[in-house]
Protein backbone atom coordinates (compact mmCIF):
# COMPACT_ATOMS: atom_id res chain seq x y z
CA MET A 1 70.47 118.13 148.34
CA GLU A 2 67.84 115.95 146.46
CA PRO A 3 68.25 115.60 142.48
CA ALA A 4 65.04 117.53 141.94
CA GLU A 5 66.30 120.51 144.30
CA SER A 6 69.70 120.22 142.66
CA ALA A 7 67.94 120.64 139.11
CA ASP A 8 66.01 123.58 140.56
CA VAL A 9 69.11 125.44 141.37
CA THR A 10 70.84 124.72 138.27
CA GLY A 11 67.67 126.01 136.48
CA LEU A 12 67.68 129.07 138.82
CA LEU A 13 71.40 129.67 138.03
CA ILE A 14 70.92 129.42 134.16
CA ALA A 15 67.87 131.84 134.27
CA TRP A 16 70.11 134.31 136.41
CA SER A 17 72.94 133.94 134.01
CA GLN A 18 70.50 134.77 130.96
CA GLY A 19 69.52 138.24 132.90
CA ASN A 20 66.61 137.12 135.09
CA ARG A 21 67.43 139.02 138.27
CA SER A 22 64.29 137.51 140.04
CA ALA A 23 65.97 133.96 139.57
CA LEU A 24 68.48 135.06 142.06
CA ASP A 25 65.99 136.08 144.64
CA ARG A 26 64.56 132.71 144.63
CA LEU A 27 68.16 130.87 144.33
CA ILE A 28 69.43 132.63 147.64
CA PRO A 29 66.72 130.81 149.78
CA GLN A 30 67.38 127.56 148.33
CA VAL A 31 71.46 127.60 148.53
CA TYR A 32 71.39 129.97 151.82
CA ASP A 33 71.90 127.05 154.38
CA GLU A 34 74.40 125.27 152.24
CA LEU A 35 76.60 128.56 151.96
CA ARG A 36 75.86 129.22 155.70
CA ARG A 37 77.51 125.53 156.41
CA MET A 38 80.37 126.37 154.16
CA ALA A 39 80.94 129.70 156.03
CA GLN A 40 80.52 128.14 159.52
CA GLY A 41 83.25 125.32 158.44
CA HIS A 42 85.44 128.36 157.70
CA MET A 43 84.99 130.21 160.71
CA ASN A 44 85.65 127.12 163.12
CA CYS A 45 89.17 127.20 161.66
CA GLU A 46 89.55 131.09 162.33
CA ARG A 47 91.26 132.57 165.42
CA ALA A 48 89.11 132.78 168.53
CA GLY A 49 87.48 136.21 168.97
CA HIS A 50 87.45 136.53 165.05
CA THR A 51 85.28 139.57 164.39
CA LEU A 52 83.48 138.17 161.26
CA GLN A 53 80.61 135.69 161.66
CA ALA A 54 79.26 133.19 159.59
CA THR A 55 76.30 135.15 158.48
CA ALA A 56 78.41 138.20 157.65
CA LEU A 57 80.70 136.08 155.71
CA VAL A 58 77.68 134.48 153.66
CA ASN A 59 76.23 138.46 153.26
CA GLU A 60 79.59 139.35 151.90
CA VAL A 61 79.60 136.46 149.40
CA TYR A 62 75.85 137.47 148.40
CA LEU A 63 77.07 140.98 147.71
CA ARG A 64 79.82 139.74 145.33
CA LEU A 65 77.33 137.25 143.66
CA VAL A 66 75.12 139.96 143.12
CA ASN A 67 77.59 142.13 141.38
CA LEU A 68 78.94 139.45 139.02
CA GLU A 69 77.99 139.72 135.69
CA GLN A 70 78.30 137.83 132.63
CA VAL A 71 78.89 134.27 134.46
CA ASP A 72 77.84 131.48 132.36
CA TRP A 73 76.21 129.40 135.23
CA GLN A 74 76.32 125.60 134.23
CA HIS A 75 75.44 123.51 137.44
CA ARG A 76 75.26 123.67 141.29
CA ALA A 77 78.38 122.78 141.77
CA GLN A 78 80.02 125.33 139.74
CA PHE A 79 78.02 128.11 142.04
CA PHE A 80 79.55 126.40 145.08
CA ALA A 81 82.78 126.39 143.85
CA LEU A 82 82.94 129.95 143.09
CA SER A 83 81.27 130.43 146.55
CA ALA A 84 84.21 128.70 148.02
CA GLU A 85 86.72 131.00 146.43
CA MET A 86 84.89 133.99 147.25
CA MET A 87 85.09 132.96 150.98
CA ARG A 88 88.56 132.23 150.59
CA ARG A 89 89.44 135.43 149.39
CA ILE A 90 87.34 137.32 152.02
CA LEU A 91 89.21 135.66 154.62
CA VAL A 92 92.39 136.15 153.40
CA ASP A 93 91.94 139.80 152.70
CA ALA A 94 90.49 140.05 156.19
CA ALA A 95 93.79 138.16 157.51
CA ARG A 96 96.13 140.49 155.62
CA ALA A 97 94.19 143.65 156.93
CA ARG A 98 94.90 142.32 160.57
CA LEU A 99 98.30 141.52 160.03
CA SER A 100 99.14 144.64 158.12
CA SER A 101 98.99 146.59 161.37
CA LYS A 102 101.37 144.30 163.28
CA ARG A 103 105.05 144.57 162.64
CA GLY A 104 108.09 142.38 163.22
CA LYS A 105 106.03 139.16 162.74
CA GLY A 106 108.29 136.48 161.38
CA ALA A 107 106.99 133.44 159.39
CA VAL A 108 104.56 130.88 161.38
CA PRO A 109 104.83 127.38 160.64
CA VAL A 110 101.41 125.94 159.38
CA THR A 111 100.16 122.28 160.43
CA LEU A 112 98.65 120.37 157.93
CA ASP A 113 96.72 117.14 158.57
CA GLU A 114 93.46 115.61 157.07
CA ALA A 115 91.53 118.54 157.52
CA LEU A 116 94.26 121.03 156.93
CA VAL A 117 94.27 122.38 160.35
CA ILE A 118 95.79 125.87 160.76
CA SER A 119 98.11 126.40 163.75
CA SER A 120 97.41 128.92 166.50
CA ASP A 121 98.38 132.00 164.97
CA ARG A 122 95.31 131.84 162.13
CA ASP A 123 95.79 135.14 160.57
CA ALA A 124 99.57 134.24 159.62
CA SER A 125 98.97 130.74 158.93
CA LEU A 126 96.11 131.53 156.60
CA LEU A 127 98.22 133.76 154.58
CA ALA A 128 100.91 131.26 154.45
CA LEU A 129 98.40 128.58 153.10
CA ASN A 130 97.06 130.79 150.70
CA GLU A 131 100.43 131.83 149.00
CA ALA A 132 101.51 128.00 149.17
CA LEU A 133 97.86 127.21 147.47
CA GLU A 134 98.77 130.01 144.91
CA ALA A 135 101.93 128.43 144.30
CA LEU A 136 100.52 124.86 143.81
CA SER A 137 98.25 126.46 141.51
CA GLN A 138 101.02 127.22 139.21
CA VAL A 139 102.25 123.87 138.79
CA ALA A 140 98.91 121.82 139.79
CA PRO A 141 96.22 124.03 138.91
CA ARG A 142 93.33 121.07 139.43
CA GLN A 143 94.97 119.85 142.65
CA ALA A 144 94.68 123.39 144.19
CA LYS A 145 91.35 123.57 143.05
CA VAL A 146 90.53 120.22 145.04
CA VAL A 147 91.98 121.96 147.94
CA GLU A 148 90.20 125.22 147.67
CA LEU A 149 86.79 123.21 147.08
CA ARG A 150 87.48 120.82 149.90
CA TYR A 151 89.09 122.97 152.40
CA PHE A 152 87.55 126.58 151.85
CA GLY A 153 84.60 125.14 150.41
CA GLY A 154 83.83 122.22 152.64
CA MET A 155 82.74 120.13 149.74
CA THR A 156 82.67 116.56 149.89
CA GLU A 157 84.98 114.28 147.58
CA GLN A 158 81.61 113.59 145.18
CA GLU A 159 80.73 117.44 145.17
CA THR A 160 84.24 118.20 144.45
CA ALA A 161 84.31 115.72 141.60
CA ASP A 162 81.15 117.07 140.36
CA ALA A 163 82.34 120.69 140.35
CA LEU A 164 85.51 119.66 138.45
CA LYS A 165 83.70 117.20 136.11
CA THR A 166 86.05 114.15 137.30
CA SER A 167 85.76 111.15 139.11
CA PRO A 168 85.80 110.99 143.12
CA ARG A 169 88.98 108.65 142.69
CA SER A 170 90.75 111.49 140.95
CA VAL A 171 89.72 113.90 143.61
CA ASN A 172 91.18 111.37 146.45
CA ARG A 173 94.51 111.27 144.45
CA ASP A 174 94.50 114.93 143.84
CA TRP A 175 93.80 115.63 147.71
CA HIS A 176 96.47 113.28 148.69
CA PHE A 177 99.17 114.89 146.41
CA ALA A 178 98.17 118.61 147.20
CA ARG A 179 98.15 117.78 150.79
CA ALA A 180 101.67 116.37 150.49
CA TRP A 181 102.62 119.35 148.36
CA LEU A 182 101.41 121.88 150.81
CA MET A 183 103.07 120.33 153.92
CA ARG A 184 106.57 120.30 152.08
CA GLN A 185 105.96 123.98 151.22
CA LEU A 186 104.51 125.21 154.48
CA SER A 187 107.65 123.30 156.49
CA GLY A 188 110.05 124.96 153.99
CA THR A 189 111.19 122.06 152.61
CA SER A 190 111.58 122.16 148.67
CA ALA A 191 108.72 120.77 147.14
CA GLY A 192 110.55 119.98 144.14
């Protein structure tokens, strides 16, 4: 996104947080393509035949955003970070709902590589990853947020750094630490 467009998005977010509901109407067309790209990234990691489409995921995020009150929007990166978190929650809730009807399922191993690829039983894997990520957030909150933004939000290293108000180098270190920690958790080995 160009700097002028980023500033415009930030201005609309601030206006929206100050109670200007029409700012949201002007904001959505400017951020829709980026939200759709994030959602499509999520859907590419979902199981085949998933009933939720990227557009529906964006629409669900929009509905949740509209109902938010008293958010002190500061910048574009904050908006996309919250959107990524919402997408994660929506997908995890959907996976839980699908698995709740299945009985007798055991733990499913999850493979983590550079892109945190989810194994063939994606619902159970997504839940396992979510649980591991929640555990990581208890011991290393910033590193957990890096995973959420990079994996669930599809953000680049620079965008993640902007959202967390840190350097890309720190994001890179956090990403590598979090990947190793999550891999140990998901493989059943003590993470220390």
